[in-house]
């Protein structure tokens, strides 16, 4: 097993601090692009770049963008999840760069879920809760 370096630990700390900004209410929206091998092969890098460009062009600082691994629905990639404070997460499927722009402008900025691209709403629950 490879040993963690100081730089590895710093990167982990930075990622956790960013995640805490959303949990602490310092960010209004958390936008996650799922970047497992399947997502990357399906074009998730282009989706991530599109969202980052949209954030930059809109000059917003209340949106946290992050990545995650595979969520187990490889056949629906590329996927992204939009989480707004106090609302259920929305998972979008079969994304393209144009769909990502629409989701950003209409959902992230405007609060209107783009139902035609939605795969799922809410979080998985353990133990039937």
Protein backbone atom coordinates (compact mmCIF):
# COMPACT_ATOMS: atom_id res chain seq x y z
CA UNK A 1 0.00 0.00 0.00
CA UNK A 2 1.36 3.42 -0.99
CA UNK A 3 2.17 5.86 1.78
CA UNK A 4 0.45 9.22 1.92
CA UNK A 5 2.66 12.23 1.41
CA UNK A 6 2.28 15.66 2.99
CA UNK A 7 0.92 16.92 -0.36
CA UNK A 8 -1.66 14.11 -0.40
CA UNK A 9 -2.81 15.11 3.08
CA UNK A 10 -3.00 18.80 2.08
CA UNK A 11 -5.19 17.91 -0.91
CA UNK A 12 -7.49 15.84 1.32
CA UNK A 13 -7.73 18.72 3.79
CA UNK A 14 -8.59 21.21 1.01
CA UNK A 15 -11.31 18.89 -0.35
CA UNK A 16 -12.85 18.41 3.11
CA UNK A 17 -12.78 22.15 3.80
CA UNK A 18 -14.60 22.81 0.49
CA UNK A 19 -17.23 20.19 1.34
CA UNK A 20 -17.71 21.80 4.76
CA UNK A 21 -18.53 25.13 3.10
CA UNK A 22 -21.74 23.63 1.73
CA UNK A 23 -22.63 21.75 4.92
CA UNK A 24 -22.05 24.90 6.97
CA UNK A 25 -24.38 26.90 4.70
CA UNK A 26 -21.61 29.08 3.23
CA UNK A 27 -22.47 27.91 -0.29
CA UNK A 28 -25.99 27.93 -1.74
CA UNK A 29 -25.50 25.09 -4.23
CA UNK A 30 -23.23 22.06 -4.42
CA UNK A 31 -22.73 20.79 -7.96
CA UNK A 32 -21.15 17.32 -8.23
CA UNK A 33 -19.94 15.82 -11.49
CA UNK A 34 -19.57 12.04 -11.20
CA UNK A 35 -16.12 11.21 -12.55
CA UNK A 36 -15.67 7.47 -12.21
CA UNK A 37 -13.99 5.70 -15.10
CA UNK A 38 -17.39 5.21 -16.73
CA UNK A 39 -18.25 8.89 -16.39
CA UNK A 40 -14.93 10.04 -17.76
CA UNK A 41 -15.28 7.66 -20.73
CA UNK A 42 -18.76 9.09 -21.37
CA UNK A 43 -17.64 12.73 -21.38
CA UNK A 44 -17.80 13.87 -17.74
CA UNK A 45 -14.63 15.96 -18.10
CA UNK A 46 -16.36 18.11 -20.71
CA UNK A 47 -19.36 18.47 -18.39
CA UNK A 48 -17.09 19.53 -15.51
CA UNK A 49 -15.32 22.06 -17.73
CA UNK A 50 -18.69 23.42 -18.93
CA UNK A 51 -19.97 23.90 -15.37
CA UNK A 52 -16.71 25.56 -14.34
CA UNK A 53 -16.91 27.94 -17.32
CA UNK A 54 -20.54 28.77 -16.50
CA UNK A 55 -19.64 29.53 -12.87
CA UNK A 56 -16.83 31.78 -14.05
CA UNK A 57 -18.94 33.57 -16.67
CA UNK A 58 -21.80 34.12 -14.22
CA UNK A 59 -19.28 35.38 -11.64
CA UNK A 60 -21.01 33.55 -8.79
CA UNK A 61 -19.25 32.57 -5.59
CA UNK A 62 -22.05 30.73 -3.81
CA UNK A 63 -21.75 27.55 -5.92
CA UNK A 64 -19.40 24.77 -4.87
CA UNK A 65 -18.30 22.45 -7.67
CA UNK A 66 -16.88 19.08 -6.79
CA UNK A 67 -16.36 15.63 -8.26
CA UNK A 68 -17.05 12.12 -7.05
CA UNK A 69 -16.51 8.61 -8.27
CA UNK A 70 -19.05 6.30 -9.86
CA UNK A 71 -22.50 6.13 -8.27
CA UNK A 72 -23.24 2.76 -9.85
CA UNK A 73 -25.40 3.80 -12.77
CA UNK A 74 -22.80 3.57 -15.51
CA UNK A 75 -25.34 3.17 -18.30
CA UNK A 76 -26.73 6.68 -17.57
CA UNK A 77 -23.42 8.59 -17.64
CA UNK A 78 -22.39 11.34 -17.69
CA UNK A 79 -24.17 12.23 -14.45
CA UNK A 80 -24.22 15.30 -12.22
CA UNK A 81 -26.00 16.07 -8.96
CA UNK A 82 -27.33 19.49 -7.96
CA UNK A 83 -27.88 20.04 -4.25
CA UNK A 84 -29.47 23.29 -3.08
CA UNK A 85 -29.54 24.21 0.59
CA UNK A 86 -32.73 22.85 2.15
CA UNK A 87 -33.88 20.95 -0.96
CA UNK A 88 -33.61 17.37 -2.16
CA UNK A 89 -30.65 16.55 -4.42
CA UNK A 90 -31.39 16.16 -8.13
CA UNK A 91 -29.37 13.69 -10.22
CA UNK A 92 -29.19 14.51 -13.92
CA UNK A 93 -28.39 11.84 -16.54
CA UNK A 94 -27.11 11.53 -20.12
CA UNK A 95 -25.54 14.98 -19.93
CA UNK A 96 -24.09 16.93 -22.81
CA UNK A 97 -22.36 20.28 -22.63
CA UNK A 98 -25.55 21.98 -23.87
CA UNK A 99 -27.64 20.23 -21.21
CA UNK A 100 -25.07 21.23 -18.57
CA UNK A 101 -25.37 24.89 -19.62
CA UNK A 102 -29.16 24.68 -19.44
CA UNK A 103 -29.05 23.02 -16.00
CA UNK A 104 -26.67 25.67 -14.73
CA UNK A 105 -28.69 28.61 -16.02
CA UNK A 106 -32.15 27.27 -15.26
CA UNK A 107 -31.62 25.17 -12.12
CA UNK A 108 -28.46 26.39 -10.39
CA UNK A 109 -29.08 30.09 -11.08
CA UNK A 110 -32.86 30.10 -11.55
CA UNK A 111 -34.04 27.37 -9.17
CA UNK A 112 -36.05 25.55 -11.85
CA UNK A 113 -35.36 21.79 -12.00
CA UNK A 114 -34.89 20.59 -15.58
CA UNK A 115 -37.23 17.60 -15.28
CA UNK A 116 -36.55 16.28 -18.78
CA UNK A 117 -32.97 15.41 -17.74
CA UNK A 118 -33.68 14.09 -14.20
CA UNK A 119 -32.75 10.53 -13.29
CA UNK A 120 -33.50 10.68 -9.55
CA UNK A 121 -34.55 12.95 -6.71
CA UNK A 122 -33.44 12.68 -3.10
CA UNK A 123 -30.87 10.52 -1.36
CA UNK A 124 -30.58 6.79 -0.94
CA UNK A 125 -31.89 5.71 2.44
CA UNK A 126 -30.41 2.94 4.54
CA UNK A 127 -32.57 0.38 6.28
CA UNK A 128 -35.87 1.58 4.81
CA UNK A 129 -35.83 4.91 6.68
